[in-house]
Amino acid sequence: MGISELAFCVGVLAFGHFRLGLGIAALQTLTFFTLVCGNQATTYAVRARGRIWSSPHPCRWLVSSSVLDVFIAATLAGFGWLMTPLPVWVLASVLAGAMVFVFVLDLVKVSVFARLKIG
C-alpha cells in the first residue's frame, strides 16, 4: 500500500515538474496537497479486506473529516496561505487523480490479499 501511494505521489510531482514546469515552492505546495489527497484515498481503500464497494458505507464522521481535511488543504493551497498558491485546476486534477488512485489501490490491495491468502 505504501509503495502504491509513493508511486502516486512521485507521479504527480513528476508531472508537476516536467509537464507543468512548476518551481520548487509550487512543488512543495503540490506535495502537501498530494499527500493529503493520497492519504484520504488510502484511508478509504484499506477500510475493508474486499473491494472498496463491498464494505458498508463509511460513517458520517469519516466522510465529514475527509471533506473538511481536503477543503482546508485546498483552501490553503489555492489561496497561498503559508505556501505558494496553485491554480484551482491543478488542485482539482490532483483530487480527481486521487479518486482514480483509490480504485487502483483497491486492485492492488485485493490482489496482494489474494496472493497472501488474507481475504
PDB file of N, CA and C in Angstrom:
ATOM      1  N   MET A   1       0.827  -1.186   0.000  1.00  0.00           N
ATOM      2  CA  MET A   1       0.000   0.000   0.000  1.00  0.00           C
ATOM      3  C   MET A   1       0.874   1.254   0.000  1.00  0.00           C
ATOM      4  N   GLY A   2       1.913   1.217   0.812  1.00  0.00           N
ATOM      5  CA  GLY A   2       2.811   2.363   0.881  1.00  0.00           C
ATOM      6  C   GLY A   2       3.542   2.613  -0.428  1.00  0.00           C
ATOM      7  N   ILE A   3       3.945   1.534  -1.081  1.00  0.00           N
ATOM      8  CA  ILE A   3       4.625   1.671  -2.367  1.00  0.00           C
ATOM      9  C   ILE A   3       3.679   2.268  -3.400  1.00  0.00           C
ATOM     10  N   SER A   4       2.415   1.867  -3.357  1.00  0.00           N
ATOM     11  CA  SER A   4       1.430   2.421  -4.296  1.00  0.00           C
ATOM     12  C   SER A   4       1.219   3.906  -4.061  1.00  0.00           C
ATOM     13  N   GLU A   5       1.127   4.299  -2.800  1.00  0.00           N
ATOM     14  CA  GLU A   5       0.947   5.729  -2.512  1.00  0.00           C
ATOM     15  C   GLU A   5       2.193   6.522  -2.890  1.00  0.00           C
ATOM     16  N   LEU A   6       3.357   5.936  -2.662  1.00  0.00           N
ATOM     17  CA  LEU A   6       4.592   6.590  -3.074  1.00  0.00           C
ATOM     18  C   LEU A   6       4.620   6.784  -4.589  1.00  0.00           C
ATOM     19  N   ALA A   7       4.193   5.774  -5.332  1.00  0.00           N
ATOM     20  CA  ALA A   7       4.156   5.880  -6.797  1.00  0.00           C
ATOM     21  C   ALA A   7       3.190   6.978  -7.242  1.00  0.00           C
ATOM     22  N   PHE A   8       2.037   7.069  -6.584  1.00  0.00           N
ATOM     23  CA  PHE A   8       1.070   8.123  -6.901  1.00  0.00           C
ATOM     24  C   PHE A   8       1.684   9.503  -6.660  1.00  0.00           C
ATOM     25  N   CYS A   9       2.289   9.683  -5.495  1.00  0.00           N
ATOM     26  CA  CYS A   9       2.870  10.986  -5.160  1.00  0.00           C
ATOM     27  C   CYS A   9       4.021  11.354  -6.090  1.00  0.00           C
ATOM     28  N   VAL A  10       4.898  10.399  -6.378  1.00  0.00           N
ATOM     29  CA  VAL A  10       6.018  10.671  -7.278  1.00  0.00           C
ATOM     30  C   VAL A  10       5.500  10.988  -8.680  1.00  0.00           C
ATOM     31  N   GLY A  11       4.464  10.270  -9.119  1.00  0.00           N
ATOM     32  CA  GLY A  11       3.884  10.536 -10.433  1.00  0.00           C
ATOM     33  C   GLY A  11       3.316  11.945 -10.540  1.00  0.00           C
ATOM     34  N   VAL A  12       2.594  12.366  -9.516  1.00  0.00           N
ATOM     35  CA  VAL A  12       2.023  13.719  -9.520  1.00  0.00           C
ATOM     36  C   VAL A  12       3.134  14.759  -9.506  1.00  0.00           C
ATOM     37  N   LEU A  13       4.150  14.550  -8.683  1.00  0.00           N
ATOM     38  CA  LEU A  13       5.247  15.513  -8.615  1.00  0.00           C
ATOM     39  C   LEU A  13       6.047  15.553  -9.911  1.00  0.00           C
ATOM     40  N   ALA A  14       6.268  14.409 -10.522  1.00  0.00           N
ATOM     41  CA  ALA A  14       6.977  14.384 -11.803  1.00  0.00           C
ATOM     42  C   ALA A  14       6.178  15.125 -12.864  1.00  0.00           C
ATOM     43  N   PHE A  15       4.865  14.932 -12.873  1.00  0.00           N
ATOM     44  CA  PHE A  15       4.016  15.652 -13.816  1.00  0.00           C
ATOM     45  C   PHE A  15       4.094  17.157 -13.561  1.00  0.00           C
ATOM     46  N   GLY A  16       4.026  17.542 -12.294  1.00  0.00           N
ATOM     47  CA  GLY A  16       4.111  18.962 -11.947  1.00  0.00           C
ATOM     48  C   GLY A  16       5.432  19.589 -12.343  1.00  0.00           C
ATOM     49  N   HIS A  17       6.509  18.839 -12.210  1.00  0.00           N
ATOM     50  CA  HIS A  17       7.830  19.371 -12.537  1.00  0.00           C
ATOM     51  C   HIS A  17       8.094  19.367 -14.045  1.00  0.00           C
ATOM     52  N   PHE A  18       7.890  18.208 -14.674  1.00  0.00           N
ATOM     53  CA  PHE A  18       8.293  18.075 -16.069  1.00  0.00           C
ATOM     54  C   PHE A  18       7.259  18.587 -17.067  1.00  0.00           C
ATOM     55  N   ARG A  19       5.972  18.436 -16.773  1.00  0.00           N
ATOM     56  CA  ARG A  19       4.950  18.858 -17.728  1.00  0.00           C
ATOM     57  C   ARG A  19       4.417  20.259 -17.438  1.00  0.00           C
ATOM     58  N   LEU A  20       4.253  20.586 -16.152  1.00  0.00           N
ATOM     59  CA  LEU A  20       3.720  21.906 -15.807  1.00  0.00           C
ATOM     60  C   LEU A  20       4.819  22.926 -15.565  1.00  0.00           C
ATOM     61  N   GLY A  21       6.036  22.467 -15.367  1.00  0.00           N
ATOM     62  CA  GLY A  21       7.162  23.374 -15.149  1.00  0.00           C
ATOM     63  C   GLY A  21       7.086  24.141 -13.843  1.00  0.00           C
ATOM     64  N   LEU A  22       6.542  23.533 -12.819  1.00  0.00           N
ATOM     65  CA  LEU A  22       6.420  24.203 -11.525  1.00  0.00           C
ATOM     66  C   LEU A  22       7.783  24.332 -10.862  1.00  0.00           C
ATOM     67  N   GLY A  23       7.975  25.449 -10.166  1.00  0.00           N
ATOM     68  CA  GLY A  23       9.211  25.677  -9.422  1.00  0.00           C
ATOM     69  C   GLY A  23       9.178  24.944  -8.089  1.00  0.00           C
ATOM     70  N   ILE A  24      10.254  25.077  -7.351  1.00  0.00           N
ATOM     71  CA  ILE A  24      10.395  24.361  -6.077  1.00  0.00           C
ATOM     72  C   ILE A  24       9.278  24.725  -5.096  1.00  0.00           C
ATOM     73  N   ALA A  25       8.975  25.992  -4.951  1.00  0.00           N
ATOM     74  CA  ALA A  25       7.946  26.414  -3.986  1.00  0.00           C
ATOM     75  C   ALA A  25       6.573  25.861  -4.372  1.00  0.00           C
ATOM     76  N   ALA A  26       6.242  25.899  -5.647  1.00  0.00           N
ATOM     77  CA  ALA A  26       4.956  25.357  -6.096  1.00  0.00           C
ATOM     78  C   ALA A  26       4.932  23.835  -5.957  1.00  0.00           C
ATOM     79  N   LEU A  27       6.079  23.188  -6.174  1.00  0.00           N
ATOM     80  CA  LEU A  27       6.147  21.734  -5.983  1.00  0.00           C
ATOM     81  C   LEU A  27       5.966  21.354  -4.521  1.00  0.00           C
ATOM     82  N   GLN A  28       6.422  22.203  -3.618  1.00  0.00           N
ATOM     83  CA  GLN A  28       6.194  21.943  -2.194  1.00  0.00           C
ATOM     84  C   GLN A  28       4.702  21.997  -1.872  1.00  0.00           C
ATOM     85  N   THR A  29       4.002  22.961  -2.437  1.00  0.00           N
ATOM     86  CA  THR A  29       2.562  23.052  -2.249  1.00  0.00           C
ATOM     87  C   THR A  29       1.873  21.839  -2.874  1.00  0.00           C
ATOM     88  N   LEU A  30       2.305  21.468  -4.058  1.00  0.00           N
ATOM     89  CA  LEU A  30       1.741  20.299  -4.727  1.00  0.00           C
ATOM     90  C   LEU A  30       1.982  19.036  -3.907  1.00  0.00           C
ATOM     91  N   THR A  31       3.141  18.924  -3.305  1.00  0.00           N
ATOM     92  CA  THR A  31       3.442  17.778  -2.439  1.00  0.00           C
ATOM     93  C   THR A  31       2.485  17.729  -1.262  1.00  0.00           C
ATOM     94  N   PHE A  32       2.298  18.861  -0.615  1.00  0.00           N
ATOM     95  CA  PHE A  32       1.373  18.934   0.518  1.00  0.00           C
ATOM     96  C   PHE A  32      -0.018  18.463   0.118  1.00  0.00           C
ATOM     97  N   PHE A  33      -0.544  19.014  -0.962  1.00  0.00           N
ATOM     98  CA  PHE A  33      -1.910  18.677  -1.358  1.00  0.00           C
ATOM     99  C   PHE A  33      -2.007  17.228  -1.845  1.00  0.00           C
ATOM    100  N   THR A  34      -0.980  16.741  -2.526  1.00  0.00           N
ATOM    101  CA  THR A  34      -0.975  15.362  -2.993  1.00  0.00           C
ATOM    102  C   THR A  34      -0.951  14.390  -1.822  1.00  0.00           C
ATOM    103  N   LEU A  35      -0.169  14.692  -0.799  1.00  0.00           N
ATOM    104  CA  LEU A  35      -0.136  13.819   0.383  1.00  0.00           C
ATOM    105  C   LEU A  35      -1.473  13.789   1.100  1.00  0.00           C
ATOM    106  N   VAL A  36      -2.130  14.931   1.196  1.00  0.00           N
ATOM    107  CA  VAL A  36      -3.446  14.977   1.837  1.00  0.00           C
ATOM    108  C   VAL A  36      -4.432  14.110   1.060  1.00  0.00           C
ATOM    109  N   CYS A  37      -4.499  14.297  -0.249  1.00  0.00           N
ATOM    110  CA  CYS A  37      -5.451  13.535  -1.073  1.00  0.00           C
ATOM    111  C   CYS A  37      -5.086  12.055  -1.134  1.00  0.00           C
ATOM    112  N   GLY A  38      -3.798  11.749  -1.247  1.00  0.00           N
ATOM    113  CA  GLY A  38      -3.359  10.355  -1.284  1.00  0.00           C
ATOM    114  C   GLY A  38      -3.655   9.623   0.007  1.00  0.00           C
ATOM    115  N   ASN A  39      -3.475  10.296   1.136  1.00  0.00           N
ATOM    116  CA  ASN A  39      -3.792   9.676   2.424  1.00  0.00           C
ATOM    117  C   ASN A  39      -5.286   9.437   2.581  1.00  0.00           C
ATOM    118  N   GLN A  40      -6.104  10.337   2.075  1.00  0.00           N
ATOM    119  CA  GLN A  40      -7.551  10.120   2.123  1.00  0.00           C
ATOM    120  C   GLN A  40      -7.925   8.900   1.272  1.00  0.00           C
ATOM    121  N   ALA A  41      -7.325   8.793   0.096  1.00  0.00           N
ATOM    122  CA  ALA A  41      -7.598   7.650  -0.776  1.00  0.00           C
ATOM    123  C   ALA A  41      -7.185   6.347  -0.091  1.00  0.00           C
ATOM    124  N   THR A  42      -6.028   6.345   0.539  1.00  0.00           N
ATOM    125  CA  THR A  42      -5.556   5.145   1.236  1.00  0.00           C
ATOM    126  C   THR A  42      -6.495   4.777   2.377  1.00  0.00           C
ATOM    127  N   THR A  43      -6.973   5.767   3.098  1.00  0.00           N
ATOM    128  CA  THR A  43      -7.899   5.503   4.199  1.00  0.00           C
ATOM    129  C   THR A  43      -9.136   4.766   3.722  1.00  0.00           C
ATOM    130  N   TYR A  44      -9.715   5.191   2.612  1.00  0.00           N
ATOM    131  CA  TYR A  44     -10.920   4.549   2.108  1.00  0.00           C
ATOM    132  C   TYR A  44     -10.629   3.177   1.499  1.00  0.00           C
ATOM    133  N   ALA A  45      -9.441   3.020   0.925  1.00  0.00           N
ATOM    134  CA  ALA A  45      -9.100   1.733   0.297  1.00  0.00           C
ATOM    135  C   ALA A  45      -8.856   0.635   1.326  1.00  0.00           C
ATOM    136  N   VAL A  46      -8.302   0.983   2.476  1.00  0.00           N
ATOM    137  CA  VAL A  46      -7.960  -0.040   3.467  1.00  0.00           C
ATOM    138  C   VAL A  46      -9.067  -0.326   4.474  1.00  0.00           C
ATOM    139  N   ARG A  47     -10.226   0.255   4.285  1.00  0.00           N
ATOM    140  CA  ARG A  47     -11.324   0.045   5.232  1.00  0.00           C
ATOM    141  C   ARG A  47     -11.814  -1.389   5.278  1.00  0.00           C
ATOM    142  N   ALA A  48     -11.703  -2.120   4.191  1.00  0.00           N
ATOM    143  CA  ALA A  48     -12.215  -3.489   4.142  1.00  0.00           C
ATOM    144  C   ALA A  48     -11.228  -4.385   3.429  1.00  0.00           C
ATOM    145  N   ARG A  49     -11.330  -5.677   3.677  1.00  0.00           N
ATOM    146  CA  ARG A  49     -10.432  -6.618   3.009  1.00  0.00           C
ATOM    147  C   ARG A  49     -10.854  -6.870   1.575  1.00  0.00           C
ATOM    148  N   GLY A  50     -12.133  -6.741   1.297  1.00  0.00           N
ATOM    149  CA  GLY A  50     -12.631  -6.959  -0.054  1.00  0.00           C
ATOM    150  C   GLY A  50     -12.574  -5.684  -0.875  1.00  0.00           C
ATOM    151  N   ARG A  51     -13.333  -5.672  -1.946  1.00  0.00           N
ATOM    152  CA  ARG A  51     -13.417  -4.489  -2.803  1.00  0.00           C
ATOM    153  C   ARG A  51     -13.928  -3.295  -2.009  1.00  0.00           C
ATOM    154  N   ILE A  52     -13.567  -2.118  -2.462  1.00  0.00           N
ATOM    155  CA  ILE A  52     -13.930  -0.892  -1.750  1.00  0.00           C
ATOM    156  C   ILE A  52     -15.451  -0.731  -1.637  1.00  0.00           C
ATOM    157  N   TRP A  53     -16.162  -1.176  -2.644  1.00  0.00           N
ATOM    158  CA  TRP A  53     -17.616  -1.030  -2.641  1.00  0.00           C
ATOM    159  C   TRP A  53     -18.314  -2.159  -1.892  1.00  0.00           C
ATOM    160  N   SER A  54     -17.566  -3.179  -1.440  1.00  0.00           N
ATOM    161  CA  SER A  54     -18.186  -4.294  -0.734  1.00  0.00           C
ATOM    162  C   SER A  54     -18.392  -4.011   0.747  1.00  0.00           C
ATOM    163  N   SER A  55     -17.704  -3.013   1.276  1.00  0.00           N
ATOM    164  CA  SER A  55     -17.839  -2.685   2.690  1.00  0.00           C
ATOM    165  C   SER A  55     -19.035  -1.761   2.900  1.00  0.00           C
ATOM    166  N   PRO A  56     -19.553  -1.737   4.111  1.00  0.00           N
ATOM    167  CA  PRO A  56     -20.652  -0.809   4.397  1.00  0.00           C
ATOM    168  C   PRO A  56     -20.217   0.636   4.174  1.00  0.00           C
ATOM    169  N   HIS A  57     -21.179   1.481   3.988  1.00  0.00           N
ATOM    170  CA  HIS A  57     -20.878   2.902   3.772  1.00  0.00           C
ATOM    171  C   HIS A  57     -20.064   3.438   4.945  1.00  0.00           C
ATOM    172  N   PRO A  58     -19.121   4.329   4.658  1.00  0.00           N
ATOM    173  CA  PRO A  58     -18.342   4.915   5.756  1.00  0.00           C
ATOM    174  C   PRO A  58     -19.245   5.769   6.648  1.00  0.00           C
ATOM    175  N   CYS A  59     -18.867   5.850   7.902  1.00  0.00           N
ATOM    176  CA  CYS A  59     -19.682   6.627   8.836  1.00  0.00           C
ATOM    177  C   CYS A  59     -19.601   8.113   8.485  1.00  0.00           C
ATOM    178  N   ARG A  60     -20.562   8.838   8.976  1.00  0.00           N
ATOM    179  CA  ARG A  60     -20.659  10.270   8.723  1.00  0.00           C
ATOM    180  C   ARG A  60     -19.422  11.028   9.197  1.00  0.00           C
ATOM    181  N   TRP A  61     -18.838  10.591  10.321  1.00  0.00           N
ATOM    182  CA  TRP A  61     -17.672  11.265  10.869  1.00  0.00           C
ATOM    183  C   TRP A  61     -16.472  11.126   9.949  1.00  0.00           C
ATOM    184  N   LEU A  62     -16.291   9.948   9.366  1.00  0.00           N
ATOM    185  CA  LEU A  62     -15.169   9.739   8.458  1.00  0.00           C
ATOM    186  C   LEU A  62     -15.316  10.592   7.206  1.00  0.00           C
ATOM    187  N   VAL A  63     -16.496  10.585   6.628  1.00  0.00           N
ATOM    188  CA  VAL A  63     -16.735  11.382   5.423  1.00  0.00           C
ATOM    189  C   VAL A  63     -16.593  12.873   5.729  1.00  0.00           C
ATOM    190  N   SER A  64     -17.167  13.307   6.849  1.00  0.00           N
ATOM    191  CA  SER A  64     -17.084  14.724   7.220  1.00  0.00           C
ATOM    192  C   SER A  64     -15.647  15.162   7.444  1.00  0.00           C
ATOM    193  N   SER A  65     -14.881  14.340   8.153  1.00  0.00           N
ATOM    194  CA  SER A  65     -13.485  14.714   8.411  1.00  0.00           C
ATOM    195  C   SER A  65     -12.671  14.713   7.121  1.00  0.00           C
ATOM    196  N   SER A  66     -12.973  13.800   6.201  1.00  0.00           N
ATOM    197  CA  SER A  66     -12.267  13.766   4.915  1.00  0.00           C
ATOM    198  C   SER A  66     -12.565  15.009   4.084  1.00  0.00           C
ATOM    199  N   VAL A  67     -13.828  15.364   4.001  1.00  0.00           N
ATOM    200  CA  VAL A  67     -14.228  16.546   3.238  1.00  0.00           C
ATOM    201  C   VAL A  67     -13.595  17.796   3.846  1.00  0.00           C
ATOM    202  N   LEU A  68     -13.636  17.901   5.164  1.00  0.00           N
ATOM    203  CA  LEU A  68     -13.045  19.059   5.837  1.00  0.00           C
ATOM    204  C   LEU A  68     -11.533  19.106   5.627  1.00  0.00           C
ATOM    205  N   ASP A  69     -10.872  17.961   5.708  1.00  0.00           N
ATOM    206  CA  ASP A  69      -9.431  17.883   5.504  1.00  0.00           C
ATOM    207  C   ASP A  69      -9.045  18.358   4.107  1.00  0.00           C
ATOM    208  N   VAL A  70      -9.719  17.848   3.091  1.00  0.00           N
ATOM    209  CA  VAL A  70      -9.419  18.236   1.706  1.00  0.00           C
ATOM    210  C   VAL A  70      -9.784  19.700   1.473  1.00  0.00           C
ATOM    211  N   PHE A  71     -10.890  20.152   2.041  1.00  0.00           N
ATOM    212  CA  PHE A  71     -11.302  21.556   1.890  1.00  0.00           C
ATOM    213  C   PHE A  71     -10.260  22.502   2.491  1.00  0.00           C
ATOM    214  N   ILE A  72      -9.793  22.196   3.684  1.00  0.00           N
ATOM    215  CA  ILE A  72      -8.792  23.052   4.334  1.00  0.00           C
ATOM    216  C   ILE A  72      -7.499  23.055   3.528  1.00  0.00           C
ATOM    217  N   ALA A  73      -7.055  21.880   3.102  1.00  0.00           N
ATOM    218  CA  ALA A  73      -5.820  21.800   2.317  1.00  0.00           C
ATOM    219  C   ALA A  73      -5.964  22.535   0.991  1.00  0.00           C
ATOM    220  N   ALA A  74      -7.112  22.391   0.319  1.00  0.00           N
ATOM    221  CA  ALA A  74      -7.330  23.078  -0.958  1.00  0.00           C
ATOM    222  C   ALA A  74      -7.405  24.588  -0.760  1.00  0.00           C
ATOM    223  N   THR A  75      -8.003  25.021   0.319  1.00  0.00           N
ATOM    224  CA  THR A  75      -8.088  26.456   0.612  1.00  0.00           C
ATOM    225  C   THR A  75      -6.698  27.038   0.850  1.00  0.00           C
ATOM    226  N   LEU A  76      -5.906  26.353   1.666  1.00  0.00           N
ATOM    227  CA  LEU A  76      -4.544  26.822   1.925  1.00  0.00           C
ATOM    228  C   LEU A  76      -3.725  26.862   0.638  1.00  0.00           C
ATOM    229  N   ALA A  77      -3.822  25.793  -0.159  1.00  0.00           N
ATOM    230  CA  ALA A  77      -3.030  25.707  -1.392  1.00  0.00           C
ATOM    231  C   ALA A  77      -3.553  26.641  -2.478  1.00  0.00           C
ATOM    232  N   GLY A  78      -4.858  26.823  -2.538  1.00  0.00           N
ATOM    233  CA  GLY A  78      -5.440  27.676  -3.573  1.00  0.00           C
ATOM    234  C   GLY A  78      -5.221  29.155  -3.341  1.00  0.00           C
ATOM    235  N   PHE A  79      -5.334  29.565  -2.082  1.00  0.00           N
ATOM    236  CA  PHE A  79      -5.151  30.982  -1.759  1.00  0.00           C
ATOM    237  C   PHE A  79      -3.708  31.328  -1.432  1.00  0.00           C
ATOM    238  N   GLY A  80      -2.878  30.306  -1.277  1.00  0.00           N
ATOM    239  CA  GLY A  80      -1.468  30.560  -0.987  1.00  0.00           C
ATOM    240  C   GLY A  80      -1.209  30.996   0.436  1.00  0.00           C
ATOM    241  N   TRP A  81      -2.038  30.523   1.361  1.00  0.00           N
ATOM    242  CA  TRP A  81      -1.801  30.836   2.766  1.00  0.00           C
ATOM    243  C   TRP A  81      -0.726  29.907   3.282  1.00  0.00           C
ATOM    244  N   LEU A  82       0.374  30.468   3.753  1.00  0.00           N
ATOM    245  CA  LEU A  82       1.521  29.744   4.298  1.00  0.00           C
ATOM    246  C   LEU A  82       2.270  28.926   3.251  1.00  0.00           C
ATOM    247  N   MET A  83       1.954  29.113   1.980  1.00  0.00           N
ATOM    248  CA  MET A  83       2.611  28.378   0.893  1.00  0.00           C
ATOM    249  C   MET A  83       2.374  29.089  -0.420  1.00  0.00           C
ATOM    250  N   THR A  84       3.031  28.627  -1.457  1.00  0.00           N
ATOM    251  CA  THR A  84       2.845  29.189  -2.795  1.00  0.00           C
ATOM    252  C   THR A  84       1.496  28.726  -3.347  1.00  0.00           C
ATOM    253  N   PRO A  85       0.686  29.632  -3.897  1.00  0.00           N
ATOM    254  CA  PRO A  85      -0.628  29.218  -4.405  1.00  0.00           C
ATOM    255  C   PRO A  85      -0.508  28.387  -5.681  1.00  0.00           C
ATOM    256  N   LEU A  86      -1.476  27.489  -5.838  1.00  0.00           N
ATOM    257  CA  LEU A  86      -1.605  26.693  -7.063  1.00  0.00           C
ATOM    258  C   LEU A  86      -2.940  27.020  -7.716  1.00  0.00           C
ATOM    259  N   PRO A  87      -3.011  26.943  -9.039  1.00  0.00           N
ATOM    260  CA  PRO A  87      -4.303  27.169  -9.707  1.00  0.00           C
ATOM    261  C   PRO A  87      -5.331  26.118  -9.294  1.00  0.00           C
ATOM    262  N   VAL A  88      -6.582  26.509  -9.315  1.00  0.00           N
ATOM    263  CA  VAL A  88      -7.662  25.614  -8.905  1.00  0.00           C
ATOM    264  C   VAL A  88      -7.702  24.365  -9.784  1.00  0.00           C
ATOM    265  N   TRP A  89      -7.411  24.517 -11.080  1.00  0.00           N
ATOM    266  CA  TRP A  89      -7.465  23.344 -11.959  1.00  0.00           C
ATOM    267  C   TRP A  89      -6.403  22.313 -11.598  1.00  0.00           C
ATOM    268  N   VAL A  90      -5.276  22.748 -11.056  1.00  0.00           N
ATOM    269  CA  VAL A  90      -4.245  21.801 -10.610  1.00  0.00           C
ATOM    270  C   VAL A  90      -4.742  21.047  -9.386  1.00  0.00           C
ATOM    271  N   LEU A  91      -5.342  21.766  -8.458  1.00  0.00           N
ATOM    272  CA  LEU A  91      -5.881  21.125  -7.253  1.00  0.00           C
ATOM    273  C   LEU A  91      -6.995  20.149  -7.610  1.00  0.00           C
ATOM    274  N   ALA A  92      -7.874  20.551  -8.522  1.00  0.00           N
ATOM    275  CA  ALA A  92      -8.955  19.668  -8.954  1.00  0.00           C
ATOM    276  C   ALA A  92      -8.406  18.427  -9.657  1.00  0.00           C
ATOM    277  N   SER A  93      -7.341  18.606 -10.407  1.00  0.00           N
ATOM    278  CA  SER A  93      -6.719  17.472 -11.101  1.00  0.00           C
ATOM    279  C   SER A  93      -6.115  16.482 -10.114  1.00  0.00           C
ATOM    280  N   VAL A  94      -5.471  16.986  -9.082  1.00  0.00           N
ATOM    281  CA  VAL A  94      -4.895  16.107  -8.059  1.00  0.00           C
ATOM    282  C   VAL A  94      -6.010  15.354  -7.336  1.00  0.00           C
ATOM    283  N   LEU A  95      -7.085  16.052  -7.016  1.00  0.00           N
ATOM    284  CA  LEU A  95      -8.212  15.402  -6.348  1.00  0.00           C
ATOM    285  C   LEU A  95      -8.838  14.337  -7.239  1.00  0.00           C
ATOM    286  N   ALA A  96      -8.998  14.626  -8.519  1.00  0.00           N
ATOM    287  CA  ALA A  96      -9.528  13.623  -9.456  1.00  0.00           C
ATOM    288  C   ALA A  96      -8.568  12.449  -9.582  1.00  0.00           C
ATOM    289  N   GLY A  97      -7.273  12.747  -9.613  1.00  0.00           N
ATOM    290  CA  GLY A  97      -6.284  11.674  -9.660  1.00  0.00           C
ATOM    291  C   GLY A  97      -6.337  10.794  -8.427  1.00  0.00           C
ATOM    292  N   ALA A  98      -6.585  11.387  -7.267  1.00  0.00           N
ATOM    293  CA  ALA A  98      -6.704  10.613  -6.030  1.00  0.00           C
ATOM    294  C   ALA A  98      -7.945   9.721  -6.064  1.00  0.00           C
ATOM    295  N   MET A  99      -8.996  10.199  -6.707  1.00  0.00           N
ATOM    296  CA  MET A  99     -10.212   9.377  -6.823  1.00  0.00           C
ATOM    297  C   MET A  99      -9.967   8.166  -7.725  1.00  0.00           C
ATOM    298  N   VAL A 100      -9.176   8.352  -8.760  1.00  0.00           N
ATOM    299  CA  VAL A 100      -8.792   7.212  -9.605  1.00  0.00           C
ATOM    300  C   VAL A 100      -7.831   6.315  -8.835  1.00  0.00           C
ATOM    301  N   PHE A 101      -6.911   6.932  -8.106  1.00  0.00           N
ATOM    302  CA  PHE A 101      -5.918   6.189  -7.333  1.00  0.00           C
ATOM    303  C   PHE A 101      -6.563   5.249  -6.328  1.00  0.00           C
ATOM    304  N   VAL A 102      -7.658   5.656  -5.715  1.00  0.00           N
ATOM    305  CA  VAL A 102      -8.293   4.797  -4.714  1.00  0.00           C
ATOM    306  C   VAL A 102      -8.749   3.478  -5.343  1.00  0.00           C
ATOM    307  N   PHE A 103      -9.192   3.510  -6.588  1.00  0.00           N
ATOM    308  CA  PHE A 103      -9.622   2.276  -7.250  1.00  0.00           C
ATOM    309  C   PHE A 103      -8.426   1.443  -7.703  1.00  0.00           C
ATOM    310  N   VAL A 104      -7.351   2.098  -8.125  1.00  0.00           N
ATOM    311  CA  VAL A 104      -6.123   1.372  -8.461  1.00  0.00           C
ATOM    312  C   VAL A 104      -5.555   0.713  -7.203  1.00  0.00           C
ATOM    313  N   LEU A 105      -5.535   1.461  -6.116  1.00  0.00           N
ATOM    314  CA  LEU A 105      -5.056   0.925  -4.844  1.00  0.00           C
ATOM    315  C   LEU A 105      -5.919  -0.247  -4.388  1.00  0.00           C
ATOM    316  N   ASP A 106      -7.198  -0.168  -4.647  1.00  0.00           N
ATOM    317  CA  ASP A 106      -8.106  -1.259  -4.297  1.00  0.00           C
ATOM    318  C   ASP A 106      -7.741  -2.527  -5.075  1.00  0.00           C
ATOM    319  N   LEU A 107      -7.422  -2.380  -6.358  1.00  0.00           N
ATOM    320  CA  LEU A 107      -6.996  -3.527  -7.160  1.00  0.00           C
ATOM    321  C   LEU A 107      -5.705  -4.140  -6.606  1.00  0.00           C
ATOM    322  N   VAL A 108      -4.763  -3.291  -6.244  1.00  0.00           N
ATOM    323  CA  VAL A 108      -3.507  -3.764  -5.661  1.00  0.00           C
ATOM    324  C   VAL A 108      -3.781  -4.495  -4.361  1.00  0.00           C
ATOM    325  N   LYS A 109      -4.595  -3.903  -3.515  1.00  0.00           N
ATOM    326  CA  LYS A 109      -4.900  -4.491  -2.213  1.00  0.00           C
ATOM    327  C   LYS A 109      -5.531  -5.867  -2.375  1.00  0.00           C
ATOM    328  N   VAL A 110      -6.515  -5.988  -3.230  1.00  0.00           N
ATOM    329  CA  VAL A 110      -7.215  -7.259  -3.403  1.00  0.00           C
ATOM    330  C   VAL A 110      -6.270  -8.321  -3.960  1.00  0.00           C
ATOM    331  N   SER A 111      -5.427  -7.947  -4.907  1.00  0.00           N
ATOM    332  CA  SER A 111      -4.505  -8.938  -5.476  1.00  0.00           C
ATOM    333  C   SER A 111      -3.432  -9.356  -4.456  1.00  0.00           C
ATOM    334  N   VAL A 112      -2.942  -8.431  -3.671  1.00  0.00           N
ATOM    335  CA  VAL A 112      -1.959  -8.781  -2.627  1.00  0.00           C
ATOM    336  C   VAL A 112      -2.613  -9.662  -1.571  1.00  0.00           C
ATOM    337  N   PHE A 113      -3.820  -9.320  -1.153  1.00  0.00           N
ATOM    338  CA  PHE A 113      -4.516 -10.135  -0.158  1.00  0.00           C
ATOM    339  C   PHE A 113      -4.789 -11.532  -0.695  1.00  0.00           C
ATOM    340  N   ALA A 114      -5.145 -11.648  -1.964  1.00  0.00           N
ATOM    341  CA  ALA A 114      -5.400 -12.963  -2.561  1.00  0.00           C
ATOM    342  C   ALA A 114      -4.102 -13.786  -2.611  1.00  0.00           C
ATOM    343  N   ARG A 115      -3.022 -13.130  -2.975  1.00  0.00           N
ATOM    344  CA  ARG A 115      -1.733 -13.832  -3.059  1.00  0.00           C
ATOM    345  C   ARG A 115      -1.268 -14.297  -1.679  1.00  0.00           C
ATOM    346  N   LEU A 116      -1.507 -13.480  -0.664  1.00  0.00           N
ATOM    347  CA  LEU A 116      -1.126 -13.840   0.711  1.00  0.00           C
ATOM    348  C   LEU A 116      -2.197 -14.662   1.427  1.00  0.00           C
ATOM    349  N   LYS A 117      -3.298 -14.907   0.740  1.00  0.00           N
ATOM    350  CA  LYS A 117      -4.429 -15.664   1.291  1.00  0.00           C
ATOM    351  C   LYS A 117      -4.968 -15.029   2.589  1.00  0.00           C
ATOM    352  N   ILE A 118      -5.115 -13.688   2.543  1.00  0.00           N
ATOM    353  CA  ILE A 118      -5.626 -12.946   3.688  1.00  0.00           C
ATOM    354  C   ILE A 118      -7.136 -12.749   3.605  1.00  0.00           C
ATOM    355  N   GLY A 119      -7.641 -12.457   2.418  1.00  0.00           N
ATOM    356  CA  GLY A 119      -9.041 -12.100   2.230  1.00  0.00           C
ATOM    357  C   GLY A 119      -9.914 -13.273   2.242  1.00  0.00           C
TER     358      GLY A 119
END
